[in-house]
Structure formats: C-alpha cells, structure tokens
C-alpha cells in the first residue's frame, strides 16, 4: 500500500468498485498484515454515516404499517430506527462492535468455513465495502423517508437486497469458496448484529 493517506483513497476506491460488482477492486486490496489493520480505519470513517443513518426520521408507514406490509416495515426499521432501547449512540456503538467482531467469529469457525486462506484480503474488502454501504444507506433512508409508504418500502427493500448481493459478491471474490459456504457467511454477517442486540 502507498504511504501517507494513499491507502485510504485506495480503500475507498476498492469499496466503491466492490459495490459496483467490479473485480478490479482486487488490485487495490492489501495482501499483507499492514493493509489488513489499516483497513479498520473504515470504522471511524463510518461513524458520521451511522450517526446520520440513525438520526434520520423513519420512512413513512414504519410506525403504523398497513396490514400485509409488516415484513417490509420490519426490514426498514432494522436499518432506519433505533429499536433496542440503547439510544442513537448505543445503537451506533453496537453496530460498530458487530462490524469489528465479525471477523473473530469467522476465525473461530475457520475450519468449517475455510476462510483462513483468504482472510487477510477478505477483512479489508469487507471493511471498505461496509464503509461505502453505510453512506449508500444514508441516501436510501433519506429518500425513503421523503417518499410515500409504498414507495419507501420498495426502495428500501431493493436497496437491502443490493447490499446483500454486494456482500455475497465480495465474499465469493476474496475467499473463492463455494456458493453454499459464501451464502452461509453472508447470512452469519446479517444475523450477527441481531444476536448481539438481543444479548445487551
């Protein structure tokens, strides 16, 4: 990686390329321990985005969804609102902790998941992609909050589907594992924050 702040620029570009399903992101990702640890700068850089995300008003219809839209409302509320009685700062800290601790969970499961061989590349890729995704969701939730309930649900559900697809693409690209194992890892990454939230 380059000296100074060049690694931040390279990381942001790599994250943006991963969000666009661009395999050229691999050329910008570190393959060494220094780049691995530097990628965790993505967490403090994401902090303003998380504060914005949790401070935005809930999209229309979340507080009182119409019958049949409860599932969509739950999906939006998971992203757009504080829901565990922790307050904005507590929710942000919980999300950041879940983000930072997930690689440890994978290491514990390394024998079952086979992540060890690509771990040094996977973690930076996930960190930089997650940073880009946070700010993408700020825009999505802001748009959804200003939209009618039906459109808000559609926009946010499509956005969440896109985020999951980005995560799947990044995981497959960096780890080179089978589709089934990649899907398992992505599902674990989705449910890990939920599990932590239930424990606090």
C-alpha atoms as a PDB file:
ATOM      1  CA  UNK A   1       0.000   0.000   0.000  1.00  0.00           C
ATOM      2  CA  UNK A   2       1.142   3.585  -0.553  1.00  0.00           C
ATOM      3  CA  UNK A   3       2.428   5.786   2.242  1.00  0.00           C
ATOM      4  CA  UNK A   4       0.545   8.640   3.881  1.00  0.00           C
ATOM      5  CA  UNK A   5      -3.181   8.609   3.345  1.00  0.00           C
ATOM      6  CA  UNK A   6      -2.980   6.874  -0.009  1.00  0.00           C
ATOM      7  CA  UNK A   7      -4.253   3.647   1.490  1.00  0.00           C
ATOM      8  CA  UNK A   8      -7.468   5.440   2.487  1.00  0.00           C
ATOM      9  CA  UNK A   9      -8.080   6.550  -1.091  1.00  0.00           C
ATOM     10  CA  UNK A  10      -7.261   3.097  -2.420  1.00  0.00           C
ATOM     11  CA  UNK A  11      -9.557   1.535   0.160  1.00  0.00           C
ATOM     12  CA  UNK A  12     -12.445   3.837  -0.726  1.00  0.00           C
ATOM     13  CA  UNK A  13     -11.995   3.146  -4.428  1.00  0.00           C
ATOM     14  CA  UNK A  14     -11.847  -0.583  -3.736  1.00  0.00           C
ATOM     15  CA  UNK A  15     -15.041  -0.357  -1.668  1.00  0.00           C
ATOM     16  CA  UNK A  16     -16.800   1.595  -4.418  1.00  0.00           C
ATOM     17  CA  UNK A  17     -15.702  -0.921  -7.046  1.00  0.00           C
ATOM     18  CA  UNK A  18     -16.926  -3.824  -4.928  1.00  0.00           C
ATOM     19  CA  UNK A  19     -20.268  -2.028  -4.565  1.00  0.00           C
ATOM     20  CA  UNK A  20     -20.367  -1.916  -8.368  1.00  0.00           C
ATOM     21  CA  UNK A  21     -19.504  -5.646  -8.611  1.00  0.00           C
ATOM     22  CA  UNK A  22     -16.177  -4.770 -10.224  1.00  0.00           C
ATOM     23  CA  UNK A  23     -13.490  -7.456  -9.924  1.00  0.00           C
ATOM     24  CA  UNK A  24     -10.783  -4.838 -10.447  1.00  0.00           C
ATOM     25  CA  UNK A  25     -11.203  -3.970  -6.775  1.00  0.00           C
ATOM     26  CA  UNK A  26      -8.914  -6.903  -6.011  1.00  0.00           C
ATOM     27  CA  UNK A  27      -5.937  -4.991  -7.410  1.00  0.00           C
ATOM     28  CA  UNK A  28      -6.453  -2.287  -4.767  1.00  0.00           C
ATOM     29  CA  UNK A  29      -6.890  -4.578  -1.780  1.00  0.00           C
ATOM     30  CA  UNK A  30      -3.941  -5.281   0.524  1.00  0.00           C
ATOM     31  CA  UNK A  31      -2.467  -8.709   0.799  1.00  0.00           C
ATOM     32  CA  UNK A  32      -0.373  -8.017   3.871  1.00  0.00           C
ATOM     33  CA  UNK A  33      -0.875  -7.569   7.597  1.00  0.00           C
ATOM     34  CA  UNK A  34      -0.249  -3.798   7.469  1.00  0.00           C
ATOM     35  CA  UNK A  35      -3.034  -3.287   4.948  1.00  0.00           C
ATOM     36  CA  UNK A  36      -5.239  -5.606   6.979  1.00  0.00           C
ATOM     37  CA  UNK A  37      -5.013  -3.432  10.100  1.00  0.00           C
ATOM     38  CA  UNK A  38      -5.143  -0.153   8.174  1.00  0.00           C
ATOM     39  CA  UNK A  39      -8.496  -1.156   6.736  1.00  0.00           C
ATOM     40  CA  UNK A  40     -10.030  -0.786  10.199  1.00  0.00           C
ATOM     41  CA  UNK A  41      -9.824   2.977   9.703  1.00  0.00           C
ATOM     42  CA  UNK A  42     -13.060   2.365   7.826  1.00  0.00           C
ATOM     43  CA  UNK A  43     -14.858   2.088  11.188  1.00  0.00           C
ATOM     44  CA  UNK A  44     -14.209   5.645  12.470  1.00  0.00           C
ATOM     45  CA  UNK A  45     -14.787   6.953   8.956  1.00  0.00           C
ATOM     46  CA  UNK A  46     -18.211   5.274   9.033  1.00  0.00           C
ATOM     47  CA  UNK A  47     -19.149   6.852  12.370  1.00  0.00           C
ATOM     48  CA  UNK A  48     -20.642  10.081  10.914  1.00  0.00           C
ATOM     49  CA  UNK A  49     -22.630   7.982   8.466  1.00  0.00           C
ATOM     50  CA  UNK A  50     -24.029   5.811  11.238  1.00  0.00           C
ATOM     51  CA  UNK A  51     -24.993   8.881  13.256  1.00  0.00           C
ATOM     52  CA  UNK A  52     -26.783  10.289  10.223  1.00  0.00           C
ATOM     53  CA  UNK A  53     -28.440   6.964   9.496  1.00  0.00           C
ATOM     54  CA  UNK A  54     -29.870   6.577  12.989  1.00  0.00           C
ATOM     55  CA  UNK A  55     -30.826  10.241  13.242  1.00  0.00           C
ATOM     56  CA  UNK A  56     -32.928  10.285  10.090  1.00  0.00           C
ATOM     57  CA  UNK A  57     -36.701  10.084  10.531  1.00  0.00           C
ATOM     58  CA  UNK A  58     -38.295   6.699   9.948  1.00  0.00           C
ATOM     59  CA  UNK A  59     -39.721   6.205   6.464  1.00  0.00           C
ATOM     60  CA  UNK A  60     -43.471   6.743   6.240  1.00  0.00           C
ATOM     61  CA  UNK A  61     -45.551   3.825   7.423  1.00  0.00           C
ATOM     62  CA  UNK A  62     -42.967   2.277   9.731  1.00  0.00           C
ATOM     63  CA  UNK A  63     -44.684   3.228  12.958  1.00  0.00           C
ATOM     64  CA  UNK A  64     -48.098   2.014  11.735  1.00  0.00           C
ATOM     65  CA  UNK A  65     -47.659  -0.262   8.711  1.00  0.00           C
ATOM     66  CA  UNK A  66     -50.713  -1.312   6.782  1.00  0.00           C
ATOM     67  CA  UNK A  67     -51.758  -4.975   7.020  1.00  0.00           C
ATOM     68  CA  UNK A  68     -49.586  -7.152   4.836  1.00  0.00           C
ATOM     69  CA  UNK A  69     -46.657  -4.702   4.918  1.00  0.00           C
ATOM     70  CA  UNK A  70     -45.364  -5.699   8.355  1.00  0.00           C
ATOM     71  CA  UNK A  71     -42.439  -7.681   6.935  1.00  0.00           C
ATOM     72  CA  UNK A  72     -41.297  -4.752   4.814  1.00  0.00           C
ATOM     73  CA  UNK A  73     -41.710  -2.428   7.780  1.00  0.00           C
ATOM     74  CA  UNK A  74     -39.552  -4.683   9.920  1.00  0.00           C
ATOM     75  CA  UNK A  75     -36.805  -4.696   7.295  1.00  0.00           C
ATOM     76  CA  UNK A  76     -36.829  -0.912   7.032  1.00  0.00           C
ATOM     77  CA  UNK A  77     -36.987  -0.418  10.766  1.00  0.00           C
ATOM     78  CA  UNK A  78     -33.948  -2.638  11.234  1.00  0.00           C
ATOM     79  CA  UNK A  79     -31.914  -0.187   9.190  1.00  0.00           C
ATOM     80  CA  UNK A  80     -33.653   3.091   9.860  1.00  0.00           C
ATOM     81  CA  UNK A  81     -34.508   3.203  13.529  1.00  0.00           C
ATOM     82  CA  UNK A  82     -33.175   2.662  16.987  1.00  0.00           C
ATOM     83  CA  UNK A  83     -35.019  -0.326  18.339  1.00  0.00           C
ATOM     84  CA  UNK A  84     -33.249  -1.822  21.322  1.00  0.00           C
ATOM     85  CA  UNK A  85     -33.615   0.951  23.896  1.00  0.00           C
ATOM     86  CA  UNK A  86     -29.935   1.860  23.589  1.00  0.00           C
ATOM     87  CA  UNK A  87     -30.419   5.277  22.035  1.00  0.00           C
ATOM     88  CA  UNK A  88     -28.659   6.525  18.926  1.00  0.00           C
ATOM     89  CA  UNK A  89     -25.138   6.315  20.348  1.00  0.00           C
ATOM     90  CA  UNK A  90     -25.719   2.890  21.840  1.00  0.00           C
ATOM     91  CA  UNK A  91     -27.055   1.546  18.559  1.00  0.00           C
ATOM     92  CA  UNK A  92     -24.122   3.035  16.629  1.00  0.00           C
ATOM     93  CA  UNK A  93     -21.585   1.544  19.042  1.00  0.00           C
ATOM     94  CA  UNK A  94     -23.340  -1.827  18.848  1.00  0.00           C
ATOM     95  CA  UNK A  95     -23.221  -1.766  15.053  1.00  0.00           C
ATOM     96  CA  UNK A  96     -19.531  -0.845  15.056  1.00  0.00           C
ATOM     97  CA  UNK A  97     -18.782  -3.593  17.572  1.00  0.00           C
ATOM     98  CA  UNK A  98     -20.679  -6.128  15.462  1.00  0.00           C
ATOM     99  CA  UNK A  99     -18.731  -4.971  12.402  1.00  0.00           C
ATOM    100  CA  UNK A 100     -15.341  -5.238  14.119  1.00  0.00           C
ATOM    101  CA  UNK A 101     -16.047  -8.525  15.899  1.00  0.00           C
ATOM    102  CA  UNK A 102     -17.476 -10.478  12.967  1.00  0.00           C
ATOM    103  CA  UNK A 103     -14.016 -11.452  11.619  1.00  0.00           C
ATOM    104  CA  UNK A 104     -13.285 -13.015  15.010  1.00  0.00           C
ATOM    105  CA  UNK A 105     -16.434 -15.088  14.691  1.00  0.00           C
ATOM    106  CA  UNK A 106     -15.264 -16.296  11.289  1.00  0.00           C
ATOM    107  CA  UNK A 107     -11.852 -17.201  12.664  1.00  0.00           C
ATOM    108  CA  UNK A 108     -13.498 -19.312  15.332  1.00  0.00           C
ATOM    109  CA  UNK A 109     -15.348 -21.113  12.548  1.00  0.00           C
ATOM    110  CA  UNK A 110     -12.348 -21.189  10.206  1.00  0.00           C
ATOM    111  CA  UNK A 111     -12.205 -24.974   9.949  1.00  0.00           C
ATOM    112  CA  UNK A 112     -15.852 -25.182   8.960  1.00  0.00           C
ATOM    113  CA  UNK A 113     -15.926 -22.180   6.622  1.00  0.00           C
ATOM    114  CA  UNK A 114     -12.472 -22.389   5.037  1.00  0.00           C
ATOM    115  CA  UNK A 115     -11.881 -18.653   5.365  1.00  0.00           C
ATOM    116  CA  UNK A 116      -8.286 -18.889   6.621  1.00  0.00           C
ATOM    117  CA  UNK A 117      -6.593 -18.782   3.216  1.00  0.00           C
ATOM    118  CA  UNK A 118      -8.258 -15.530   2.076  1.00  0.00           C
ATOM    119  CA  UNK A 119      -8.815 -13.907   5.445  1.00  0.00           C
ATOM    120  CA  UNK A 120      -6.176 -11.161   5.053  1.00  0.00           C
ATOM    121  CA  UNK A 121      -7.884  -9.998   1.854  1.00  0.00           C
ATOM    122  CA  UNK A 122     -11.484 -10.638   2.915  1.00  0.00           C
ATOM    123  CA  UNK A 123     -11.406  -8.414   6.015  1.00  0.00           C
ATOM    124  CA  UNK A 124     -10.098  -5.263   4.266  1.00  0.00           C
ATOM    125  CA  UNK A 125     -12.547  -5.844   1.416  1.00  0.00           C
ATOM    126  CA  UNK A 126     -15.414  -6.166   3.870  1.00  0.00           C
ATOM    127  CA  UNK A 127     -14.303  -3.106   5.846  1.00  0.00           C
ATOM    128  CA  UNK A 128     -14.065  -0.809   2.826  1.00  0.00           C
ATOM    129  CA  UNK A 129     -17.251  -2.144   1.255  1.00  0.00           C
ATOM    130  CA  UNK A 130     -19.124  -1.709   4.541  1.00  0.00           C
ATOM    131  CA  UNK A 131     -17.964   1.907   4.730  1.00  0.00           C
ATOM    132  CA  UNK A 132     -19.380   2.601   1.275  1.00  0.00           C
ATOM    133  CA  UNK A 133     -22.610   0.762   2.135  1.00  0.00           C
ATOM    134  CA  UNK A 134     -23.219   2.890   5.235  1.00  0.00           C
ATOM    135  CA  UNK A 135     -23.250   6.088   3.203  1.00  0.00           C
ATOM    136  CA  UNK A 136     -25.301   4.475   0.448  1.00  0.00           C
ATOM    137  CA  UNK A 137     -27.934   3.610   3.058  1.00  0.00           C
ATOM    138  CA  UNK A 138     -27.936   7.184   4.371  1.00  0.00           C
ATOM    139  CA  UNK A 139     -29.061   8.280   0.926  1.00  0.00           C
ATOM    140  CA  UNK A 140     -31.559   5.437   0.606  1.00  0.00           C
ATOM    141  CA  UNK A 141     -33.183   6.075   4.002  1.00  0.00           C
ATOM    142  CA  UNK A 142     -33.313   9.824   3.347  1.00  0.00           C
ATOM    143  CA  UNK A 143     -35.079   9.116   0.045  1.00  0.00           C
ATOM    144  CA  UNK A 144     -37.427   6.586   1.649  1.00  0.00           C
ATOM    145  CA  UNK A 145     -38.293   8.995   4.482  1.00  0.00           C
ATOM    146  CA  UNK A 146     -39.432  11.564   1.918  1.00  0.00           C
ATOM    147  CA  UNK A 147     -41.450   9.036  -0.107  1.00  0.00           C
ATOM    148  CA  UNK A 148     -44.965   7.594   0.211  1.00  0.00           C
ATOM    149  CA  UNK A 149     -45.141   4.378   2.296  1.00  0.00           C
ATOM    150  CA  UNK A 150     -45.449   2.012  -0.672  1.00  0.00           C
ATOM    151  CA  UNK A 151     -42.502   3.582  -2.489  1.00  0.00           C
ATOM    152  CA  UNK A 152     -40.460   3.779   0.732  1.00  0.00           C
ATOM    153  CA  UNK A 153     -40.882   0.052   1.280  1.00  0.00           C
ATOM    154  CA  UNK A 154     -39.945  -0.763  -2.312  1.00  0.00           C
ATOM    155  CA  UNK A 155     -36.879   1.489  -2.373  1.00  0.00           C
ATOM    156  CA  UNK A 156     -35.524   0.235   0.937  1.00  0.00           C
ATOM    157  CA  UNK A 157     -36.188  -3.429   0.259  1.00  0.00           C
ATOM    158  CA  UNK A 158     -34.452  -3.199  -3.122  1.00  0.00           C
ATOM    159  CA  UNK A 159     -31.534  -1.367  -1.505  1.00  0.00           C
ATOM    160  CA  UNK A 160     -31.147  -4.035   1.172  1.00  0.00           C
ATOM    161  CA  UNK A 161     -31.246  -6.744  -1.490  1.00  0.00           C
ATOM    162  CA  UNK A 162     -28.481  -4.882  -3.330  1.00  0.00           C
ATOM    163  CA  UNK A 163     -26.380  -4.651  -0.147  1.00  0.00           C
ATOM    164  CA  UNK A 164     -26.681  -8.397   0.387  1.00  0.00           C
ATOM    165  CA  UNK A 165     -25.715  -9.033  -3.243  1.00  0.00           C
ATOM    166  CA  UNK A 166     -22.636  -6.791  -2.808  1.00  0.00           C
ATOM    167  CA  UNK A 167     -21.639  -8.702   0.325  1.00  0.00           C
ATOM    168  CA  UNK A 168     -22.079 -12.029  -1.457  1.00  0.00           C
ATOM    169  CA  UNK A 169     -20.016 -10.869  -4.432  1.00  0.00           C
ATOM    170  CA  UNK A 170     -17.218  -9.551  -2.209  1.00  0.00           C
ATOM    171  CA  UNK A 171     -17.120 -12.722  -0.106  1.00  0.00           C
ATOM    172  CA  UNK A 172     -17.015 -15.013  -3.142  1.00  0.00           C
ATOM    173  CA  UNK A 173     -14.381 -12.853  -4.855  1.00  0.00           C
ATOM    174  CA  UNK A 174     -11.990 -12.665  -1.901  1.00  0.00           C
ATOM    175  CA  UNK A 175     -12.391 -16.129  -0.408  1.00  0.00           C
ATOM    176  CA  UNK A 176     -13.090 -18.170  -3.533  1.00  0.00           C
ATOM    177  CA  UNK A 177     -15.349 -20.558  -1.633  1.00  0.00           C
ATOM    178  CA  UNK A 178     -18.395 -22.447  -2.855  1.00  0.00           C
ATOM    179  CA  UNK A 179     -21.708 -20.648  -3.251  1.00  0.00           C
ATOM    180  CA  UNK A 180     -23.175 -22.535  -0.300  1.00  0.00           C
ATOM    181  CA  UNK A 181     -20.383 -21.528   2.084  1.00  0.00           C
ATOM    182  CA  UNK A 182     -20.427 -17.931   0.840  1.00  0.00           C
ATOM    183  CA  UNK A 183     -24.167 -17.779   1.442  1.00  0.00           C
ATOM    184  CA  UNK A 184     -23.644 -19.130   4.963  1.00  0.00           C
ATOM    185  CA  UNK A 185     -21.037 -16.452   5.707  1.00  0.00           C
ATOM    186  CA  UNK A 186     -23.288 -13.685   4.384  1.00  0.00           C
ATOM    187  CA  UNK A 187     -26.209 -14.934   6.481  1.00  0.00           C
ATOM    188  CA  UNK A 188     -23.953 -15.010   9.540  1.00  0.00           C
ATOM    189  CA  UNK A 189     -22.929 -11.411   8.884  1.00  0.00           C
ATOM    190  CA  UNK A 190     -26.590 -10.380   8.716  1.00  0.00           C
ATOM    191  CA  UNK A 191     -27.666 -12.159  11.890  1.00  0.00           C
ATOM    192  CA  UNK A 192     -24.572 -11.405  13.993  1.00  0.00           C
ATOM    193  CA  UNK A 193     -25.660  -7.804  14.862  1.00  0.00           C
ATOM    194  CA  UNK A 194     -29.149  -9.064  15.637  1.00  0.00           C
ATOM    195  CA  UNK A 195     -27.776 -11.688  18.019  1.00  0.00           C
ATOM    196  CA  UNK A 196     -25.595  -9.102  19.762  1.00  0.00           C
ATOM    197  CA  UNK A 197     -28.545  -6.730  20.083  1.00  0.00           C
ATOM    198  CA  UNK A 198     -30.556  -9.434  21.833  1.00  0.00           C
ATOM    199  CA  UNK A 199     -27.721 -10.010  24.296  1.00  0.00           C
ATOM    200  CA  UNK A 200     -27.486  -6.413  25.509  1.00  0.00           C
END
